Amino acid sequence: MPYFPAFLNIENKEVVVIGGGKVAERKIEKLLLFKPRIKVIAPKTTPLIESLGKEGKLSIVRRRFMLKDIKKAFLVIVAVDNINLQKRVYMYCKKRNILCNAVDSPDFCTFIFPALVVRGDVVIGISTSGKVPALSRSLREYIQKVLPEDLEKIEEKLKSVRSNLPKGKKRQELMVKLSKKFLNL
């Protein structure tokens, strides 16, 4: 069954990443774009995660994970290969309505981490509901190639026009028309 796409505001919300390897690193790089408070729980971390910790972009707890680590989390990423741990964390999160993603285990996820294209405030998420991540990645690469190079400038122009017009159907129609014109559609 496909997942419903939703865009969440995670700014200043607690995000716990269980694991400190390359997979955790990739998820953290994406998360940082949206400014959450990231806490990494892992006995060892990659040099990049270490560096991000030293820069104050995330906090690191150097030990094995304990359930109390996610008690106040808004969102949890389980970036470890341990299926039993993934299931345990998922069950805990599910009971407490904490969003949970167990990397490469859609059965233990309440949300799927999409392939992302981010250009300024324009965010495009692509998902195959966890069934074929390679297709999501390929689609992301394709979309990145076909988007206009100046998309952020286009967005700024449209935002300026929109802010100077009264709400309503006429504004909506004009914004669609201008969007299409700027995108050469």
N, C-alpha and C. Protein backbone atom coordinates (compact mmCIF):
# COMPACT_ATOMS: atom_id res chain seq x y z
N MET A 1 0.85 -1.17 0.00
CA MET A 1 0.00 0.00 0.00
C MET A 1 0.89 1.24 0.00
N PRO A 2 0.59 2.22 -0.84
CA PRO A 2 1.42 3.44 -0.87
C PRO A 2 1.24 4.26 0.40
N TYR A 3 2.28 5.00 0.72
CA TYR A 3 2.26 5.90 1.88
C TYR A 3 1.74 7.26 1.45
N PHE A 4 0.99 7.92 2.33
CA PHE A 4 0.51 9.27 2.08
C PHE A 4 1.67 10.24 2.27
N PRO A 5 1.94 11.10 1.29
CA PRO A 5 3.03 12.06 1.46
C PRO A 5 2.59 13.23 2.35
N ALA A 6 3.42 13.53 3.33
CA ALA A 6 3.14 14.66 4.22
C ALA A 6 4.45 15.39 4.48
N PHE A 7 4.41 16.71 4.51
CA PHE A 7 5.59 17.49 4.80
C PHE A 7 5.47 17.99 6.23
N LEU A 8 6.44 17.65 7.06
CA LEU A 8 6.41 17.96 8.48
C LEU A 8 7.38 19.07 8.82
N ASN A 9 6.99 19.93 9.74
CA ASN A 9 7.90 20.92 10.27
C ASN A 9 8.65 20.26 11.43
N ILE A 10 9.94 20.00 11.23
CA ILE A 10 10.73 19.37 12.30
C ILE A 10 11.73 20.35 12.92
N GLU A 11 11.63 21.63 12.55
CA GLU A 11 12.54 22.62 13.10
C GLU A 11 12.44 22.65 14.62
N ASN A 12 13.59 22.53 15.28
CA ASN A 12 13.71 22.53 16.75
C ASN A 12 13.02 21.36 17.45
N LYS A 13 12.61 20.36 16.69
CA LYS A 13 12.02 19.17 17.31
C LYS A 13 13.12 18.13 17.52
N GLU A 14 12.95 17.31 18.55
CA GLU A 14 13.98 16.30 18.85
C GLU A 14 13.87 15.12 17.90
N VAL A 15 14.98 14.87 17.21
CA VAL A 15 15.09 13.73 16.31
C VAL A 15 16.24 12.86 16.84
N VAL A 16 15.93 11.60 17.12
CA VAL A 16 16.95 10.68 17.62
C VAL A 16 17.34 9.73 16.50
N VAL A 17 18.65 9.63 16.26
CA VAL A 17 19.18 8.70 15.28
C VAL A 17 19.92 7.62 16.04
N ILE A 18 19.46 6.39 15.89
CA ILE A 18 20.10 5.25 16.55
C ILE A 18 21.06 4.63 15.54
N GLY A 19 22.33 4.70 15.86
CA GLY A 19 23.37 4.22 14.96
C GLY A 19 24.24 5.38 14.50
N GLY A 20 25.51 5.08 14.25
CA GLY A 20 26.44 6.13 13.88
C GLY A 20 27.26 5.82 12.64
N GLY A 21 26.76 4.94 11.79
CA GLY A 21 27.49 4.54 10.59
C GLY A 21 27.12 5.37 9.37
N LYS A 22 27.50 4.85 8.21
CA LYS A 22 27.28 5.56 6.94
C LYS A 22 25.80 5.81 6.64
N VAL A 23 24.95 4.84 6.97
CA VAL A 23 23.51 5.01 6.72
C VAL A 23 22.97 6.13 7.60
N ALA A 24 23.35 6.14 8.87
CA ALA A 24 22.93 7.22 9.77
C ALA A 24 23.42 8.56 9.24
N GLU A 25 24.64 8.57 8.77
CA GLU A 25 25.25 9.79 8.21
C GLU A 25 24.40 10.35 7.07
N ARG A 26 23.98 9.49 6.15
CA ARG A 26 23.15 9.94 5.02
C ARG A 26 21.83 10.53 5.50
N LYS A 27 21.20 9.89 6.47
CA LYS A 27 19.92 10.40 6.98
C LYS A 27 20.13 11.74 7.69
N ILE A 28 21.20 11.84 8.46
CA ILE A 28 21.49 13.08 9.19
C ILE A 28 21.71 14.23 8.23
N GLU A 29 22.45 13.98 7.15
CA GLU A 29 22.70 15.05 6.16
C GLU A 29 21.39 15.61 5.61
N LYS A 30 20.42 14.74 5.35
CA LYS A 30 19.12 15.20 4.86
C LYS A 30 18.36 15.94 5.94
N LEU A 31 18.36 15.39 7.16
CA LEU A 31 17.63 16.01 8.26
C LEU A 31 18.13 17.41 8.59
N LEU A 32 19.45 17.60 8.53
CA LEU A 32 20.02 18.90 8.90
C LEU A 32 19.46 20.06 8.08
N LEU A 33 19.02 19.79 6.86
CA LEU A 33 18.44 20.84 6.02
C LEU A 33 17.19 21.45 6.64
N PHE A 34 16.57 20.71 7.57
CA PHE A 34 15.28 21.13 8.14
C PHE A 34 15.38 21.53 9.61
N LYS A 35 16.59 21.64 10.12
CA LYS A 35 16.93 22.23 11.42
C LYS A 35 16.29 21.60 12.66
N PRO A 36 16.26 20.27 12.74
CA PRO A 36 15.80 19.67 14.00
C PRO A 36 16.94 19.66 15.02
N ARG A 37 16.63 19.29 16.25
CA ARG A 37 17.66 19.01 17.26
C ARG A 37 17.97 17.52 17.15
N ILE A 38 19.12 17.17 16.62
CA ILE A 38 19.46 15.77 16.38
C ILE A 38 20.33 15.24 17.50
N LYS A 39 19.94 14.07 17.99
CA LYS A 39 20.74 13.35 18.99
C LYS A 39 21.07 11.98 18.40
N VAL A 40 22.37 11.67 18.32
CA VAL A 40 22.83 10.40 17.79
C VAL A 40 23.21 9.50 18.97
N ILE A 41 22.67 8.29 18.98
CA ILE A 41 22.99 7.31 20.02
C ILE A 41 23.77 6.19 19.36
N ALA A 42 25.06 6.07 19.69
CA ALA A 42 25.89 5.03 19.08
C ALA A 42 27.22 4.94 19.82
N PRO A 43 27.75 3.72 19.99
CA PRO A 43 29.07 3.58 20.61
C PRO A 43 30.17 4.22 19.75
N LYS A 44 30.02 4.12 18.42
CA LYS A 44 31.00 4.68 17.48
C LYS A 44 30.25 5.46 16.40
N THR A 45 30.91 6.50 15.88
CA THR A 45 30.31 7.28 14.81
C THR A 45 31.35 7.54 13.71
N THR A 46 30.85 7.87 12.52
CA THR A 46 31.73 8.17 11.40
C THR A 46 32.44 9.51 11.66
N PRO A 47 33.54 9.74 10.96
CA PRO A 47 34.22 11.04 11.11
C PRO A 47 33.31 12.24 10.82
N LEU A 48 32.41 12.11 9.82
CA LEU A 48 31.51 13.22 9.51
C LEU A 48 30.57 13.50 10.68
N ILE A 49 29.99 12.45 11.26
CA ILE A 49 29.10 12.64 12.41
C ILE A 49 29.87 13.26 13.57
N GLU A 50 31.10 12.80 13.80
CA GLU A 50 31.96 13.39 14.84
C GLU A 50 32.13 14.88 14.60
N SER A 51 32.44 15.23 13.36
CA SER A 51 32.67 16.62 12.99
C SER A 51 31.41 17.46 13.21
N LEU A 52 30.26 16.93 12.81
CA LEU A 52 28.99 17.65 13.01
C LEU A 52 28.72 17.85 14.51
N GLY A 53 29.09 16.87 15.31
CA GLY A 53 28.95 17.01 16.76
C GLY A 53 29.84 18.12 17.31
N LYS A 54 31.08 18.15 16.85
CA LYS A 54 32.02 19.19 17.30
C LYS A 54 31.57 20.58 16.86
N GLU A 55 30.90 20.66 15.71
CA GLU A 55 30.39 21.94 15.21
C GLU A 55 29.10 22.36 15.92
N GLY A 56 28.56 21.50 16.78
CA GLY A 56 27.34 21.82 17.50
C GLY A 56 26.07 21.61 16.70
N LYS A 57 26.17 20.90 15.57
CA LYS A 57 24.99 20.67 14.73
C LYS A 57 24.16 19.49 15.20
N LEU A 58 24.73 18.68 16.09
CA LEU A 58 24.01 17.56 16.68
C LEU A 58 24.72 17.17 17.96
N SER A 59 24.05 16.37 18.78
CA SER A 59 24.70 15.85 19.99
C SER A 59 24.91 14.35 19.82
N ILE A 60 25.96 13.85 20.46
CA ILE A 60 26.29 12.44 20.36
C ILE A 60 26.32 11.83 21.75
N VAL A 61 25.63 10.71 21.90
CA VAL A 61 25.68 9.93 23.14
C VAL A 61 26.40 8.64 22.78
N ARG A 62 27.61 8.46 23.30
CA ARG A 62 28.46 7.33 22.93
C ARG A 62 28.22 6.13 23.82
N ARG A 63 27.22 5.39 23.47
CA ARG A 63 26.90 4.13 24.17
C ARG A 63 25.82 3.41 23.38
N ARG A 64 25.49 2.22 23.85
CA ARG A 64 24.40 1.47 23.22
C ARG A 64 23.08 2.15 23.54
N PHE A 65 22.14 1.97 22.66
CA PHE A 65 20.81 2.56 22.77
C PHE A 65 20.01 1.97 23.93
N MET A 66 19.21 2.82 24.59
CA MET A 66 18.24 2.40 25.61
C MET A 66 16.90 3.06 25.28
N LEU A 67 15.81 2.39 25.56
CA LEU A 67 14.48 2.93 25.22
C LEU A 67 14.25 4.33 25.80
N LYS A 68 14.80 4.61 26.96
CA LYS A 68 14.60 5.94 27.56
C LYS A 68 15.16 7.05 26.68
N ASP A 69 16.07 6.72 25.75
CA ASP A 69 16.66 7.71 24.85
C ASP A 69 15.65 8.34 23.90
N ILE A 70 14.53 7.67 23.67
CA ILE A 70 13.56 8.19 22.70
C ILE A 70 12.25 8.62 23.35
N LYS A 71 12.24 8.66 24.66
CA LYS A 71 11.02 9.00 25.40
C LYS A 71 10.41 10.34 24.97
N LYS A 72 11.26 11.34 24.69
CA LYS A 72 10.78 12.68 24.34
C LYS A 72 10.96 13.00 22.85
N ALA A 73 11.28 12.01 22.06
CA ALA A 73 11.55 12.25 20.64
C ALA A 73 10.27 12.54 19.86
N PHE A 74 10.40 13.39 18.86
CA PHE A 74 9.33 13.62 17.91
C PHE A 74 9.42 12.60 16.78
N LEU A 75 10.65 12.26 16.44
CA LEU A 75 10.91 11.38 15.30
C LEU A 75 12.17 10.56 15.61
N VAL A 76 12.15 9.28 15.21
CA VAL A 76 13.27 8.38 15.46
C VAL A 76 13.68 7.71 14.15
N ILE A 77 14.99 7.67 13.91
CA ILE A 77 15.56 6.94 12.78
C ILE A 77 16.39 5.81 13.35
N VAL A 78 16.06 4.58 12.98
CA VAL A 78 16.82 3.41 13.43
C VAL A 78 17.73 2.99 12.27
N ALA A 79 19.01 3.39 12.36
CA ALA A 79 19.96 3.15 11.28
C ALA A 79 20.96 2.07 11.67
N VAL A 80 20.43 0.91 12.05
CA VAL A 80 21.25 -0.25 12.42
C VAL A 80 20.67 -1.48 11.74
N ASP A 81 21.51 -2.50 11.57
CA ASP A 81 21.08 -3.73 10.90
C ASP A 81 20.38 -4.73 11.82
N ASN A 82 20.25 -4.42 13.07
CA ASN A 82 19.67 -5.33 14.06
C ASN A 82 18.13 -5.30 13.97
N ILE A 83 17.56 -6.33 13.35
CA ILE A 83 16.10 -6.40 13.14
C ILE A 83 15.35 -6.41 14.46
N ASN A 84 15.86 -7.12 15.46
CA ASN A 84 15.18 -7.16 16.76
C ASN A 84 15.12 -5.77 17.39
N LEU A 85 16.20 -5.02 17.28
CA LEU A 85 16.21 -3.66 17.81
C LEU A 85 15.26 -2.77 17.01
N GLN A 86 15.25 -2.93 15.70
CA GLN A 86 14.33 -2.15 14.87
C GLN A 86 12.88 -2.40 15.30
N LYS A 87 12.54 -3.65 15.50
CA LYS A 87 11.17 -4.01 15.90
C LYS A 87 10.84 -3.45 17.28
N ARG A 88 11.77 -3.58 18.22
CA ARG A 88 11.56 -3.10 19.59
C ARG A 88 11.32 -1.59 19.59
N VAL A 89 12.15 -0.85 18.85
CA VAL A 89 12.01 0.60 18.79
C VAL A 89 10.69 0.97 18.11
N TYR A 90 10.37 0.28 17.02
CA TYR A 90 9.13 0.54 16.29
C TYR A 90 7.91 0.34 17.21
N MET A 91 7.87 -0.77 17.95
CA MET A 91 6.73 -1.04 18.83
C MET A 91 6.61 0.04 19.91
N TYR A 92 7.74 0.45 20.48
CA TYR A 92 7.74 1.50 21.49
C TYR A 92 7.20 2.81 20.90
N CYS A 93 7.71 3.17 19.73
CA CYS A 93 7.29 4.42 19.08
C CYS A 93 5.82 4.37 18.69
N LYS A 94 5.40 3.25 18.15
CA LYS A 94 4.01 3.13 17.70
C LYS A 94 3.04 3.34 18.86
N LYS A 95 3.34 2.76 20.02
CA LYS A 95 2.47 2.91 21.20
C LYS A 95 2.40 4.35 21.68
N ARG A 96 3.45 5.12 21.43
CA ARG A 96 3.54 6.48 21.94
C ARG A 96 3.36 7.55 20.86
N ASN A 97 2.95 7.14 19.67
CA ASN A 97 2.74 8.07 18.55
C ASN A 97 3.99 8.88 18.22
N ILE A 98 5.15 8.23 18.28
CA ILE A 98 6.41 8.83 17.87
C ILE A 98 6.69 8.33 16.46
N LEU A 99 6.98 9.22 15.54
CA LEU A 99 7.29 8.83 14.18
C LEU A 99 8.57 8.00 14.16
N CYS A 100 8.55 6.88 13.43
CA CYS A 100 9.68 5.96 13.43
C CYS A 100 10.00 5.48 12.02
N ASN A 101 11.28 5.49 11.70
CA ASN A 101 11.77 4.95 10.43
C ASN A 101 12.91 4.00 10.74
N ALA A 102 12.72 2.73 10.39
CA ALA A 102 13.77 1.73 10.51
C ALA A 102 14.32 1.53 9.10
N VAL A 103 15.55 1.95 8.89
CA VAL A 103 16.15 1.96 7.56
C VAL A 103 16.11 0.56 6.95
N ASP A 104 15.62 0.48 5.71
CA ASP A 104 15.52 -0.77 4.94
C ASP A 104 14.57 -1.80 5.54
N SER A 105 13.67 -1.39 6.44
CA SER A 105 12.68 -2.30 7.02
C SER A 105 11.31 -1.62 7.06
N PRO A 106 10.63 -1.54 5.92
CA PRO A 106 9.35 -0.83 5.88
C PRO A 106 8.32 -1.37 6.88
N ASP A 107 8.43 -2.64 7.27
CA ASP A 107 7.49 -3.20 8.23
C ASP A 107 7.62 -2.55 9.61
N PHE A 108 8.76 -1.92 9.86
CA PHE A 108 9.00 -1.28 11.15
C PHE A 108 9.10 0.24 11.02
N CYS A 109 8.28 0.77 10.14
CA CYS A 109 8.26 2.22 9.89
C CYS A 109 6.84 2.77 10.01
N THR A 110 6.72 3.94 10.63
CA THR A 110 5.45 4.66 10.57
C THR A 110 5.52 5.74 9.50
N PHE A 111 6.72 5.96 8.96
CA PHE A 111 6.89 6.84 7.81
C PHE A 111 8.08 6.37 7.00
N ILE A 112 8.08 6.75 5.74
CA ILE A 112 9.16 6.41 4.82
C ILE A 112 10.00 7.66 4.59
N PHE A 113 11.30 7.50 4.58
CA PHE A 113 12.22 8.59 4.29
C PHE A 113 12.30 8.73 2.78
N PRO A 114 11.80 9.83 2.20
CA PRO A 114 11.78 9.93 0.75
C PRO A 114 13.15 10.31 0.17
N ALA A 115 13.30 10.07 -1.10
CA ALA A 115 14.41 10.67 -1.83
C ALA A 115 14.04 12.14 -1.96
N LEU A 116 14.97 13.04 -1.69
CA LEU A 116 14.63 14.46 -1.63
C LEU A 116 15.36 15.29 -2.68
N VAL A 117 14.62 16.25 -3.21
CA VAL A 117 15.20 17.31 -4.01
C VAL A 117 14.86 18.60 -3.25
N VAL A 118 15.89 19.35 -2.86
CA VAL A 118 15.67 20.58 -2.10
C VAL A 118 16.36 21.73 -2.80
N ARG A 119 15.57 22.72 -3.18
CA ARG A 119 16.08 23.95 -3.79
C ARG A 119 15.37 25.11 -3.11
N GLY A 120 16.03 25.72 -2.14
CA GLY A 120 15.40 26.78 -1.37
C GLY A 120 14.22 26.21 -0.60
N ASP A 121 13.06 26.84 -0.74
CA ASP A 121 11.85 26.35 -0.07
C ASP A 121 11.11 25.31 -0.90
N VAL A 122 11.60 25.02 -2.09
CA VAL A 122 10.98 23.99 -2.92
C VAL A 122 11.55 22.64 -2.49
N VAL A 123 10.66 21.78 -2.02
CA VAL A 123 11.07 20.44 -1.57
C VAL A 123 10.21 19.42 -2.30
N ILE A 124 10.88 18.49 -2.96
CA ILE A 124 10.18 17.42 -3.67
C ILE A 124 10.59 16.11 -3.02
N GLY A 125 9.61 15.34 -2.56
CA GLY A 125 9.87 14.04 -1.96
C GLY A 125 9.39 12.94 -2.89
N ILE A 126 10.21 11.91 -3.04
CA ILE A 126 9.87 10.81 -3.95
C ILE A 126 9.95 9.50 -3.17
N SER A 127 8.93 8.67 -3.31
CA SER A 127 8.91 7.41 -2.58
C SER A 127 8.26 6.31 -3.41
N THR A 128 8.75 5.11 -3.20
CA THR A 128 8.10 3.92 -3.76
C THR A 128 7.52 3.11 -2.59
N SER A 129 7.20 3.81 -1.50
CA SER A 129 6.68 3.20 -0.27
C SER A 129 7.63 2.14 0.28
N GLY A 130 8.92 2.38 0.08
CA GLY A 130 9.94 1.48 0.62
C GLY A 130 10.17 0.22 -0.20
N LYS A 131 9.47 0.08 -1.32
CA LYS A 131 9.55 -1.16 -2.10
C LYS A 131 10.75 -1.18 -3.06
N VAL A 132 11.07 -0.03 -3.68
CA VAL A 132 12.17 0.03 -4.65
C VAL A 132 12.93 1.35 -4.46
N PRO A 133 13.72 1.47 -3.40
CA PRO A 133 14.44 2.73 -3.15
C PRO A 133 15.32 3.17 -4.31
N ALA A 134 15.87 2.24 -5.07
CA ALA A 134 16.73 2.60 -6.21
C ALA A 134 15.93 3.39 -7.25
N LEU A 135 14.66 3.07 -7.44
CA LEU A 135 13.83 3.82 -8.38
C LEU A 135 13.61 5.24 -7.86
N SER A 136 13.35 5.38 -6.56
CA SER A 136 13.19 6.72 -5.98
C SER A 136 14.44 7.55 -6.21
N ARG A 137 15.59 6.94 -6.00
CA ARG A 137 16.86 7.65 -6.19
C ARG A 137 17.03 8.07 -7.65
N SER A 138 16.74 7.17 -8.57
CA SER A 138 16.87 7.48 -9.99
C SER A 138 15.91 8.60 -10.40
N LEU A 139 14.69 8.56 -9.89
CA LEU A 139 13.73 9.63 -10.18
C LEU A 139 14.21 10.97 -9.61
N ARG A 140 14.80 10.93 -8.42
CA ARG A 140 15.35 12.15 -7.82
C ARG A 140 16.43 12.75 -8.73
N GLU A 141 17.32 11.90 -9.21
CA GLU A 141 18.39 12.38 -10.09
C GLU A 141 17.82 12.96 -11.38
N TYR A 142 16.80 12.33 -11.92
CA TYR A 142 16.16 12.82 -13.14
C TYR A 142 15.52 14.20 -12.89
N ILE A 143 14.78 14.32 -11.81
CA ILE A 143 14.10 15.57 -11.49
C ILE A 143 15.12 16.69 -11.27
N GLN A 144 16.22 16.37 -10.59
CA GLN A 144 17.26 17.38 -10.37
C GLN A 144 17.80 17.91 -11.70
N LYS A 145 17.91 17.03 -12.70
CA LYS A 145 18.44 17.44 -14.00
C LYS A 145 17.46 18.33 -14.76
N VAL A 146 16.16 18.09 -14.63
CA VAL A 146 15.19 18.84 -15.45
C VAL A 146 14.67 20.11 -14.78
N LEU A 147 14.91 20.28 -13.50
CA LEU A 147 14.48 21.52 -12.84
C LEU A 147 15.32 22.69 -13.33
N PRO A 148 14.71 23.86 -13.46
CA PRO A 148 15.49 25.03 -13.88
C PRO A 148 16.60 25.34 -12.87
N GLU A 149 17.74 25.76 -13.39
CA GLU A 149 18.88 26.11 -12.53
C GLU A 149 18.52 27.27 -11.59
N ASP A 150 17.68 28.18 -12.08
CA ASP A 150 17.34 29.38 -11.31
C ASP A 150 16.01 29.22 -10.54
N LEU A 151 15.69 28.01 -10.15
CA LEU A 151 14.41 27.76 -9.48
C LEU A 151 14.23 28.61 -8.22
N GLU A 152 15.29 28.82 -7.47
CA GLU A 152 15.18 29.63 -6.25
C GLU A 152 14.83 31.08 -6.59
N LYS A 153 15.37 31.60 -7.69
CA LYS A 153 15.04 32.97 -8.12
C LYS A 153 13.59 33.05 -8.57
N ILE A 154 13.14 32.03 -9.29
CA ILE A 154 11.74 31.97 -9.73
C ILE A 154 10.82 31.98 -8.51
N GLU A 155 11.16 31.16 -7.53
CA GLU A 155 10.35 31.09 -6.31
C GLU A 155 10.29 32.45 -5.62
N GLU A 156 11.42 33.14 -5.53
CA GLU A 156 11.46 34.46 -4.87
C GLU A 156 10.58 35.47 -5.61
N LYS A 157 10.65 35.47 -6.94
CA LYS A 157 9.81 36.38 -7.73
C LYS A 157 8.33 36.10 -7.48
N LEU A 158 7.97 34.84 -7.53
CA LEU A 158 6.56 34.47 -7.33
C LEU A 158 6.09 34.79 -5.91
N LYS A 159 6.95 34.57 -4.95
CA LYS A 159 6.61 34.87 -3.56
C LYS A 159 6.35 36.37 -3.40
N SER A 160 7.17 37.19 -4.05
CA SER A 160 7.01 38.64 -3.98
C SER A 160 5.69 39.08 -4.61
N VAL A 161 5.39 38.54 -5.79
CA VAL A 161 4.13 38.88 -6.47
C VAL A 161 2.95 38.47 -5.60
N ARG A 162 3.00 37.25 -5.08
CA ARG A 162 1.89 36.71 -4.28
C ARG A 162 1.62 37.56 -3.04
N SER A 163 2.70 38.01 -2.39
CA SER A 163 2.53 38.78 -1.14
C SER A 163 1.88 40.14 -1.38
N ASN A 164 1.91 40.61 -2.62
CA ASN A 164 1.34 41.92 -2.93
C ASN A 164 -0.07 41.86 -3.52
N LEU A 165 -0.65 40.68 -3.54
CA LEU A 165 -1.99 40.52 -4.11
C LEU A 165 -2.97 40.05 -3.03
N PRO A 166 -4.22 40.48 -3.13
CA PRO A 166 -5.21 40.01 -2.16
C PRO A 166 -5.53 38.53 -2.40
N LYS A 167 -5.85 37.83 -1.32
CA LYS A 167 -6.22 36.42 -1.42
C LYS A 167 -7.45 36.27 -2.31
N GLY A 168 -7.56 35.11 -2.92
CA GLY A 168 -8.74 34.83 -3.71
C GLY A 168 -8.43 34.10 -5.00
N LYS A 169 -9.51 33.85 -5.74
CA LYS A 169 -9.42 33.07 -6.97
C LYS A 169 -8.55 33.76 -8.03
N LYS A 170 -8.65 35.09 -8.13
CA LYS A 170 -7.86 35.81 -9.13
C LYS A 170 -6.36 35.67 -8.85
N ARG A 171 -5.98 35.78 -7.59
CA ARG A 171 -4.57 35.61 -7.23
C ARG A 171 -4.11 34.21 -7.57
N GLN A 172 -4.92 33.23 -7.23
CA GLN A 172 -4.58 31.83 -7.51
C GLN A 172 -4.38 31.60 -9.00
N GLU A 173 -5.29 32.11 -9.82
CA GLU A 173 -5.19 31.94 -11.28
C GLU A 173 -3.95 32.63 -11.83
N LEU A 174 -3.66 33.84 -11.34
CA LEU A 174 -2.48 34.57 -11.79
C LEU A 174 -1.19 33.83 -11.39
N MET A 175 -1.17 33.29 -10.19
CA MET A 175 0.04 32.60 -9.72
C MET A 175 0.30 31.34 -10.55
N VAL A 176 -0.75 30.64 -10.91
CA VAL A 176 -0.58 29.45 -11.77
C VAL A 176 -0.05 29.87 -13.14
N LYS A 177 -0.63 30.93 -13.68
CA LYS A 177 -0.22 31.43 -15.00
C LYS A 177 1.26 31.87 -14.97
N LEU A 178 1.64 32.64 -13.95
CA LEU A 178 3.01 33.09 -13.84
C LEU A 178 4.00 31.93 -13.59
N SER A 179 3.59 30.98 -12.77
CA SER A 179 4.44 29.81 -12.51
C SER A 179 4.73 29.09 -13.81
N LYS A 180 3.70 28.86 -14.60
CA LYS A 180 3.88 28.18 -15.88
C LYS A 180 4.78 29.00 -16.82
N LYS A 181 4.57 30.31 -16.81
CA LYS A 181 5.39 31.15 -17.68
C LYS A 181 6.87 31.08 -17.27
N PHE A 182 7.15 31.24 -15.98
CA PHE A 182 8.54 31.20 -15.50
C PHE A 182 9.19 29.84 -15.72
N LEU A 183 8.38 28.78 -15.71
CA LEU A 183 8.91 27.43 -15.90
C LEU A 183 8.90 27.00 -17.37
N ASN A 184 8.47 27.92 -18.24
CA ASN A 184 8.39 27.63 -19.68
C ASN A 184 7.51 26.42 -19.99
N LEU A 185 6.36 26.36 -19.35
CA LEU A 185 5.43 25.24 -19.58
C LEU A 185 4.34 25.64 -20.57
